[in-house]
Amino acid sequence: MAGTTRTATNHWEGDLLHGSGQVTLESSGIGSFDVNWPSRAEKANGKTSPEELIAAAHSSCFNMAFSNGLAGAGTPPTSLDTTAEVTFVPGSGITGIVLKVVGSVPGMSADDFKAAAEDAKANCPVSQALKAVPISLEASLAE
């Protein structure tokens, strides 16, 4: 199977502290989103950031890898809800990622769920690409 390439572009005007930009999701065509330094380093204020985009990519990739692994083991999930929290510290960079997943997987024990989640965290392509950053995981079955 041939690989795929996805493209996003960013146009920026001005310096870091006072300038602003717009990231456009070119491959999907689903939209353009404003970015600026205050929205990255302080409050979002209706704009996105590289870290939020990484969080979106990571939570999506993790759920794909996790659902595939669970199905391959004969325990397909009913649902997986994953939050990725990417922490950015000005002057230091991205300092950590926390993946939090709650899943509904009929017939699976909590320990098996956590083990399968750890495997998905270690092996999803976005986790692989982000190996330089500490990634932690909180995994639990839905009540």
N, C-alpha and C. Protein backbone atom coordinates (compact mmCIF):
# COMPACT_ATOMS: atom_id res chain seq x y z
N MET A 1 0.84 -1.18 0.00
CA MET A 1 0.00 0.00 0.00
C MET A 1 0.89 1.24 0.00
N ALA A 2 0.57 2.18 -0.83
CA ALA A 2 1.33 3.44 -0.91
C ALA A 2 1.00 4.31 0.30
N GLY A 3 1.96 5.11 0.72
CA GLY A 3 1.75 6.02 1.84
C GLY A 3 0.89 7.21 1.44
N THR A 4 0.47 7.95 2.43
CA THR A 4 -0.30 9.16 2.20
C THR A 4 0.44 10.35 2.79
N THR A 5 0.21 11.50 2.21
CA THR A 5 0.78 12.74 2.74
C THR A 5 -0.36 13.71 2.98
N ARG A 6 -0.36 14.31 4.15
CA ARG A 6 -1.36 15.31 4.48
C ARG A 6 -0.65 16.64 4.62
N THR A 7 -1.35 17.72 4.25
CA THR A 7 -0.71 19.03 4.20
C THR A 7 -1.51 20.07 4.95
N ALA A 8 -0.79 20.88 5.72
CA ALA A 8 -1.36 22.07 6.34
C ALA A 8 -0.39 23.20 6.04
N THR A 9 -0.91 24.41 5.88
CA THR A 9 -0.06 25.57 5.63
C THR A 9 -0.32 26.61 6.71
N ASN A 10 0.64 27.52 6.86
CA ASN A 10 0.48 28.61 7.81
C ASN A 10 1.04 29.87 7.19
N HIS A 11 0.26 30.94 7.25
CA HIS A 11 0.70 32.27 6.83
C HIS A 11 0.83 33.10 8.09
N TRP A 12 1.97 33.76 8.28
CA TRP A 12 2.25 34.54 9.48
C TRP A 12 2.64 35.94 9.09
N GLU A 13 2.20 36.91 9.85
CA GLU A 13 2.59 38.31 9.64
C GLU A 13 3.01 38.91 10.96
N GLY A 14 4.16 39.59 10.95
CA GLY A 14 4.65 40.27 12.14
C GLY A 14 5.61 39.43 12.95
N ASP A 15 6.04 40.00 14.08
CA ASP A 15 6.97 39.29 14.94
C ASP A 15 6.22 38.30 15.82
N LEU A 16 6.98 37.54 16.62
CA LEU A 16 6.37 36.50 17.45
C LEU A 16 5.36 37.06 18.44
N LEU A 17 5.73 38.07 19.18
CA LEU A 17 4.88 38.54 20.28
C LEU A 17 3.66 39.33 19.83
N HIS A 18 3.75 40.02 18.70
CA HIS A 18 2.63 40.87 18.27
C HIS A 18 1.99 40.42 16.96
N GLY A 19 2.62 39.49 16.28
CA GLY A 19 2.11 39.01 15.01
C GLY A 19 1.02 37.97 15.18
N SER A 20 0.55 37.50 14.06
CA SER A 20 -0.46 36.45 14.08
C SER A 20 -0.41 35.69 12.77
N GLY A 21 -1.05 34.54 12.79
CA GLY A 21 -1.07 33.71 11.60
C GLY A 21 -2.37 32.96 11.48
N GLN A 22 -2.42 32.19 10.42
CA GLN A 22 -3.59 31.36 10.16
C GLN A 22 -3.10 30.04 9.59
N VAL A 23 -3.47 28.95 10.25
CA VAL A 23 -3.14 27.61 9.77
C VAL A 23 -4.35 27.11 8.98
N THR A 24 -4.07 26.53 7.83
CA THR A 24 -5.12 26.01 6.96
C THR A 24 -4.90 24.52 6.76
N LEU A 25 -5.94 23.75 7.01
CA LEU A 25 -5.89 22.30 6.79
C LEU A 25 -6.18 22.05 5.32
N GLU A 26 -5.11 21.97 4.55
CA GLU A 26 -5.21 21.91 3.09
C GLU A 26 -5.76 20.57 2.59
N SER A 27 -5.28 19.47 3.13
CA SER A 27 -5.68 18.16 2.61
C SER A 27 -7.17 17.93 2.73
N SER A 28 -7.73 18.24 3.87
CA SER A 28 -9.15 18.01 4.09
C SER A 28 -10.00 19.17 3.61
N GLY A 29 -9.41 20.37 3.58
CA GLY A 29 -10.16 21.55 3.19
C GLY A 29 -11.22 21.96 4.20
N ILE A 30 -11.10 21.47 5.44
CA ILE A 30 -12.18 21.75 6.40
C ILE A 30 -12.06 23.09 7.09
N GLY A 31 -10.96 23.81 6.88
CA GLY A 31 -10.96 25.12 7.48
C GLY A 31 -9.60 25.72 7.73
N SER A 32 -9.65 26.98 8.11
CA SER A 32 -8.49 27.75 8.52
C SER A 32 -8.72 28.22 9.94
N PHE A 33 -7.62 28.28 10.71
CA PHE A 33 -7.73 28.60 12.12
C PHE A 33 -6.67 29.61 12.50
N ASP A 34 -7.06 30.64 13.26
CA ASP A 34 -6.14 31.69 13.68
C ASP A 34 -5.22 31.19 14.79
N VAL A 35 -3.97 31.67 14.74
CA VAL A 35 -2.97 31.38 15.77
C VAL A 35 -2.21 32.66 16.09
N ASN A 36 -1.79 32.79 17.36
CA ASN A 36 -0.88 33.86 17.74
C ASN A 36 -0.20 33.47 19.05
N TRP A 37 0.83 34.22 19.42
CA TRP A 37 1.60 33.89 20.61
C TRP A 37 0.77 33.94 21.90
N PRO A 38 0.01 35.00 22.16
CA PRO A 38 -0.77 35.01 23.41
C PRO A 38 -1.71 33.81 23.53
N SER A 39 -2.28 33.38 22.43
CA SER A 39 -3.19 32.24 22.47
C SER A 39 -2.44 30.93 22.68
N ARG A 40 -1.15 30.92 22.39
CA ARG A 40 -0.33 29.73 22.62
C ARG A 40 0.21 29.71 24.04
N ALA A 41 0.67 30.85 24.52
CA ALA A 41 1.38 30.89 25.80
C ALA A 41 0.49 31.26 26.99
N GLU A 42 -0.73 31.74 26.69
CA GLU A 42 -1.61 32.16 27.79
C GLU A 42 -2.97 31.49 27.62
N LYS A 43 -4.01 32.24 27.31
CA LYS A 43 -5.35 31.67 27.10
C LYS A 43 -5.63 31.52 25.61
N ALA A 44 -6.41 30.51 25.25
CA ALA A 44 -6.68 30.24 23.84
C ALA A 44 -7.44 31.38 23.16
N ASN A 45 -8.40 31.98 23.84
CA ASN A 45 -9.15 33.12 23.30
C ASN A 45 -9.65 32.89 21.88
N GLY A 46 -10.19 31.70 21.63
CA GLY A 46 -10.80 31.42 20.33
C GLY A 46 -9.84 31.11 19.21
N LYS A 47 -8.57 30.94 19.54
CA LYS A 47 -7.56 30.61 18.53
C LYS A 47 -6.94 29.27 18.89
N THR A 48 -6.33 28.61 17.92
CA THR A 48 -5.69 27.33 18.18
C THR A 48 -4.20 27.53 18.39
N SER A 49 -3.49 26.43 18.57
CA SER A 49 -2.04 26.47 18.78
C SER A 49 -1.44 25.19 18.22
N PRO A 50 -0.13 25.18 18.00
CA PRO A 50 0.50 23.92 17.58
C PRO A 50 0.21 22.79 18.56
N GLU A 51 0.19 23.10 19.84
CA GLU A 51 -0.04 22.06 20.84
C GLU A 51 -1.46 21.49 20.77
N GLU A 52 -2.44 22.34 20.51
CA GLU A 52 -3.81 21.83 20.37
C GLU A 52 -3.92 20.94 19.13
N LEU A 53 -3.24 21.34 18.07
CA LEU A 53 -3.25 20.52 16.86
C LEU A 53 -2.55 19.19 17.09
N ILE A 54 -1.46 19.19 17.86
CA ILE A 54 -0.79 17.94 18.23
C ILE A 54 -1.72 17.08 19.08
N ALA A 55 -2.42 17.70 20.02
CA ALA A 55 -3.36 16.96 20.86
C ALA A 55 -4.46 16.31 20.02
N ALA A 56 -4.96 17.04 19.03
CA ALA A 56 -5.99 16.47 18.14
C ALA A 56 -5.43 15.27 17.38
N ALA A 57 -4.23 15.42 16.85
CA ALA A 57 -3.61 14.33 16.10
C ALA A 57 -3.36 13.13 17.01
N HIS A 58 -2.85 13.38 18.21
CA HIS A 58 -2.48 12.29 19.10
C HIS A 58 -3.71 11.52 19.59
N SER A 59 -4.75 12.23 20.01
CA SER A 59 -5.95 11.54 20.49
C SER A 59 -6.60 10.72 19.38
N SER A 60 -6.60 11.24 18.17
CA SER A 60 -7.18 10.51 17.04
C SER A 60 -6.36 9.27 16.70
N CYS A 61 -5.05 9.43 16.62
CA CYS A 61 -4.17 8.31 16.28
C CYS A 61 -4.24 7.23 17.35
N PHE A 62 -4.20 7.66 18.62
CA PHE A 62 -4.28 6.70 19.72
C PHE A 62 -5.56 5.87 19.63
N ASN A 63 -6.72 6.53 19.43
CA ASN A 63 -7.98 5.78 19.36
C ASN A 63 -7.99 4.81 18.18
N MET A 64 -7.40 5.20 17.06
CA MET A 64 -7.33 4.29 15.92
C MET A 64 -6.49 3.07 16.25
N ALA A 65 -5.30 3.31 16.83
CA ALA A 65 -4.41 2.19 17.19
C ALA A 65 -5.05 1.31 18.25
N PHE A 66 -5.67 1.94 19.25
CA PHE A 66 -6.28 1.19 20.35
C PHE A 66 -7.44 0.35 19.86
N SER A 67 -8.33 0.94 19.06
CA SER A 67 -9.49 0.19 18.57
C SER A 67 -9.04 -0.98 17.69
N ASN A 68 -7.99 -0.77 16.91
CA ASN A 68 -7.46 -1.84 16.06
C ASN A 68 -6.87 -2.97 16.90
N GLY A 69 -6.11 -2.61 17.92
CA GLY A 69 -5.53 -3.63 18.79
C GLY A 69 -6.59 -4.41 19.55
N LEU A 70 -7.59 -3.72 20.05
CA LEU A 70 -8.67 -4.40 20.77
C LEU A 70 -9.43 -5.35 19.85
N ALA A 71 -9.75 -4.88 18.65
CA ALA A 71 -10.47 -5.73 17.70
C ALA A 71 -9.63 -6.94 17.31
N GLY A 72 -8.33 -6.72 17.10
CA GLY A 72 -7.43 -7.82 16.76
C GLY A 72 -7.33 -8.87 17.84
N ALA A 73 -7.54 -8.46 19.10
CA ALA A 73 -7.51 -9.39 20.22
C ALA A 73 -8.87 -10.04 20.47
N GLY A 74 -9.85 -9.72 19.62
CA GLY A 74 -11.18 -10.31 19.76
C GLY A 74 -12.08 -9.58 20.74
N THR A 75 -11.69 -8.38 21.14
CA THR A 75 -12.50 -7.60 22.08
C THR A 75 -12.71 -6.19 21.52
N PRO A 76 -13.46 -6.06 20.43
CA PRO A 76 -13.64 -4.74 19.84
C PRO A 76 -14.36 -3.80 20.81
N PRO A 77 -13.95 -2.53 20.84
CA PRO A 77 -14.59 -1.60 21.76
C PRO A 77 -15.96 -1.15 21.26
N THR A 78 -16.84 -0.86 22.20
CA THR A 78 -18.09 -0.19 21.87
C THR A 78 -17.79 1.29 21.65
N SER A 79 -16.93 1.85 22.53
CA SER A 79 -16.53 3.25 22.40
C SER A 79 -15.22 3.49 23.14
N LEU A 80 -14.49 4.49 22.65
CA LEU A 80 -13.27 4.99 23.29
C LEU A 80 -13.34 6.50 23.29
N ASP A 81 -13.18 7.11 24.43
CA ASP A 81 -13.15 8.57 24.54
C ASP A 81 -11.78 8.96 25.08
N THR A 82 -10.98 9.61 24.24
CA THR A 82 -9.61 9.96 24.61
C THR A 82 -9.40 11.46 24.56
N THR A 83 -8.78 11.96 25.61
CA THR A 83 -8.35 13.34 25.69
C THR A 83 -6.83 13.34 25.69
N ALA A 84 -6.24 14.20 24.89
CA ALA A 84 -4.79 14.39 24.91
C ALA A 84 -4.53 15.80 25.42
N GLU A 85 -3.72 15.89 26.45
CA GLU A 85 -3.34 17.17 27.03
C GLU A 85 -1.86 17.40 26.73
N VAL A 86 -1.56 18.38 25.91
CA VAL A 86 -0.18 18.70 25.53
C VAL A 86 0.22 19.97 26.27
N THR A 87 1.25 19.87 27.10
CA THR A 87 1.70 21.01 27.90
C THR A 87 2.85 21.72 27.21
N PHE A 88 2.68 23.04 27.05
CA PHE A 88 3.71 23.91 26.47
C PHE A 88 4.17 24.90 27.52
N VAL A 89 5.47 25.00 27.71
CA VAL A 89 6.05 25.96 28.65
C VAL A 89 6.94 26.91 27.84
N PRO A 90 6.58 28.20 27.76
CA PRO A 90 7.41 29.15 27.02
C PRO A 90 8.86 29.09 27.52
N GLY A 91 9.78 29.03 26.58
CA GLY A 91 11.19 28.94 26.91
C GLY A 91 11.70 27.52 27.04
N SER A 92 10.79 26.58 27.29
CA SER A 92 11.18 25.17 27.42
C SER A 92 10.64 24.32 26.28
N GLY A 93 9.44 24.64 25.80
CA GLY A 93 8.82 23.88 24.73
C GLY A 93 7.73 22.95 25.25
N ILE A 94 7.47 21.90 24.52
CA ILE A 94 6.47 20.91 24.91
C ILE A 94 7.12 20.01 25.95
N THR A 95 6.54 20.01 27.14
CA THR A 95 7.16 19.31 28.26
C THR A 95 6.48 18.00 28.63
N GLY A 96 5.32 17.72 28.07
CA GLY A 96 4.66 16.47 28.38
C GLY A 96 3.32 16.35 27.71
N ILE A 97 2.90 15.10 27.59
CA ILE A 97 1.59 14.79 27.02
C ILE A 97 0.93 13.77 27.94
N VAL A 98 -0.34 14.01 28.26
CA VAL A 98 -1.13 13.06 29.04
C VAL A 98 -2.28 12.60 28.16
N LEU A 99 -2.36 11.29 27.95
CA LEU A 99 -3.49 10.68 27.26
C LEU A 99 -4.42 10.12 28.33
N LYS A 100 -5.70 10.47 28.25
CA LYS A 100 -6.71 9.96 29.18
C LYS A 100 -7.79 9.27 28.35
N VAL A 101 -7.94 7.98 28.57
CA VAL A 101 -8.92 7.23 27.80
C VAL A 101 -9.90 6.52 28.73
N VAL A 102 -11.17 6.60 28.37
CA VAL A 102 -12.23 5.84 29.02
C VAL A 102 -12.89 5.03 27.92
N GLY A 103 -12.98 3.74 28.13
CA GLY A 103 -13.52 2.90 27.09
C GLY A 103 -14.61 1.97 27.58
N SER A 104 -15.44 1.59 26.64
CA SER A 104 -16.45 0.57 26.88
C SER A 104 -16.06 -0.63 26.01
N VAL A 105 -15.61 -1.69 26.68
CA VAL A 105 -15.16 -2.89 25.98
C VAL A 105 -15.78 -4.10 26.68
N PRO A 106 -16.88 -4.61 26.14
CA PRO A 106 -17.56 -5.74 26.78
C PRO A 106 -16.62 -6.93 27.00
N GLY A 107 -16.67 -7.47 28.21
CA GLY A 107 -15.92 -8.68 28.52
C GLY A 107 -14.45 -8.47 28.83
N MET A 108 -13.99 -7.25 28.95
CA MET A 108 -12.57 -7.00 29.20
C MET A 108 -12.37 -6.53 30.64
N SER A 109 -11.33 -7.05 31.29
CA SER A 109 -11.01 -6.63 32.65
C SER A 109 -10.28 -5.28 32.60
N ALA A 110 -10.30 -4.58 33.72
CA ALA A 110 -9.62 -3.28 33.82
C ALA A 110 -8.12 -3.43 33.57
N ASP A 111 -7.51 -4.50 34.09
CA ASP A 111 -6.07 -4.70 33.89
C ASP A 111 -5.74 -4.95 32.43
N ASP A 112 -6.55 -5.76 31.77
CA ASP A 112 -6.32 -6.02 30.34
C ASP A 112 -6.52 -4.76 29.51
N PHE A 113 -7.51 -3.96 29.90
CA PHE A 113 -7.76 -2.70 29.20
C PHE A 113 -6.54 -1.78 29.32
N LYS A 114 -6.02 -1.66 30.53
CA LYS A 114 -4.84 -0.80 30.74
C LYS A 114 -3.64 -1.31 29.97
N ALA A 115 -3.43 -2.60 29.93
CA ALA A 115 -2.30 -3.16 29.18
C ALA A 115 -2.44 -2.90 27.68
N ALA A 116 -3.64 -3.06 27.18
CA ALA A 116 -3.88 -2.81 25.75
C ALA A 116 -3.72 -1.33 25.44
N ALA A 117 -4.14 -0.47 26.37
CA ALA A 117 -3.98 0.98 26.17
C ALA A 117 -2.50 1.36 26.15
N GLU A 118 -1.71 0.77 27.02
CA GLU A 118 -0.26 1.04 27.04
C GLU A 118 0.37 0.62 25.72
N ASP A 119 -0.06 -0.50 25.17
CA ASP A 119 0.47 -0.95 23.89
C ASP A 119 0.11 0.03 22.78
N ALA A 120 -1.12 0.51 22.79
CA ALA A 120 -1.54 1.49 21.77
C ALA A 120 -0.76 2.78 21.92
N LYS A 121 -0.54 3.22 23.15
CA LYS A 121 0.24 4.45 23.39
C LYS A 121 1.65 4.31 22.84
N ALA A 122 2.26 3.16 23.07
CA ALA A 122 3.64 2.95 22.63
C ALA A 122 3.76 2.82 21.12
N ASN A 123 2.71 2.33 20.48
CA ASN A 123 2.84 1.98 19.07
C ASN A 123 2.06 2.83 18.08
N CYS A 124 1.25 3.76 18.53
CA CYS A 124 0.55 4.59 17.55
C CYS A 124 1.59 5.49 16.86
N PRO A 125 1.45 5.74 15.57
CA PRO A 125 2.45 6.51 14.84
C PRO A 125 2.72 7.91 15.40
N VAL A 126 1.71 8.56 15.97
CA VAL A 126 1.96 9.89 16.53
C VAL A 126 2.80 9.76 17.79
N SER A 127 2.52 8.77 18.64
CA SER A 127 3.38 8.55 19.80
C SER A 127 4.81 8.29 19.37
N GLN A 128 4.96 7.50 18.31
CA GLN A 128 6.31 7.22 17.80
C GLN A 128 7.01 8.50 17.37
N ALA A 129 6.29 9.39 16.72
CA ALA A 129 6.86 10.65 16.24
C ALA A 129 7.20 11.60 17.39
N LEU A 130 6.53 11.43 18.53
CA LEU A 130 6.71 12.33 19.67
C LEU A 130 7.55 11.72 20.79
N LYS A 131 8.40 10.75 20.48
CA LYS A 131 9.17 10.04 21.49
C LYS A 131 10.04 10.94 22.35
N ALA A 132 10.39 12.11 21.88
CA ALA A 132 11.24 13.01 22.67
C ALA A 132 10.49 13.63 23.85
N VAL A 133 9.18 13.48 23.87
CA VAL A 133 8.35 14.10 24.91
C VAL A 133 7.81 13.00 25.84
N PRO A 134 7.86 13.21 27.16
CA PRO A 134 7.25 12.23 28.06
C PRO A 134 5.74 12.12 27.81
N ILE A 135 5.27 10.89 27.63
CA ILE A 135 3.85 10.64 27.39
C ILE A 135 3.35 9.73 28.51
N SER A 136 2.35 10.19 29.24
CA SER A 136 1.75 9.35 30.28
C SER A 136 0.33 8.97 29.86
N LEU A 137 -0.20 7.96 30.54
CA LEU A 137 -1.49 7.42 30.16
C LEU A 137 -2.33 7.14 31.40
N GLU A 138 -3.60 7.54 31.32
CA GLU A 138 -4.60 7.19 32.32
C GLU A 138 -5.70 6.44 31.58
N ALA A 139 -5.89 5.16 31.89
CA ALA A 139 -6.84 4.35 31.15
C ALA A 139 -7.82 3.69 32.12
N SER A 140 -9.10 3.79 31.83
CA SER A 140 -10.11 3.18 32.67
C SER A 140 -11.31 2.75 31.83
N LEU A 141 -11.98 1.72 32.30
CA LEU A 141 -13.21 1.29 31.66
C LEU A 141 -14.36 2.17 32.15
N ALA A 142 -15.32 2.37 31.27
CA ALA A 142 -16.50 3.16 31.62
C ALA A 142 -17.27 2.45 32.71
N GLU A 143 -17.86 3.22 33.58
CA GLU A 143 -18.64 2.65 34.71
C GLU A 143 -19.95 2.11 34.22
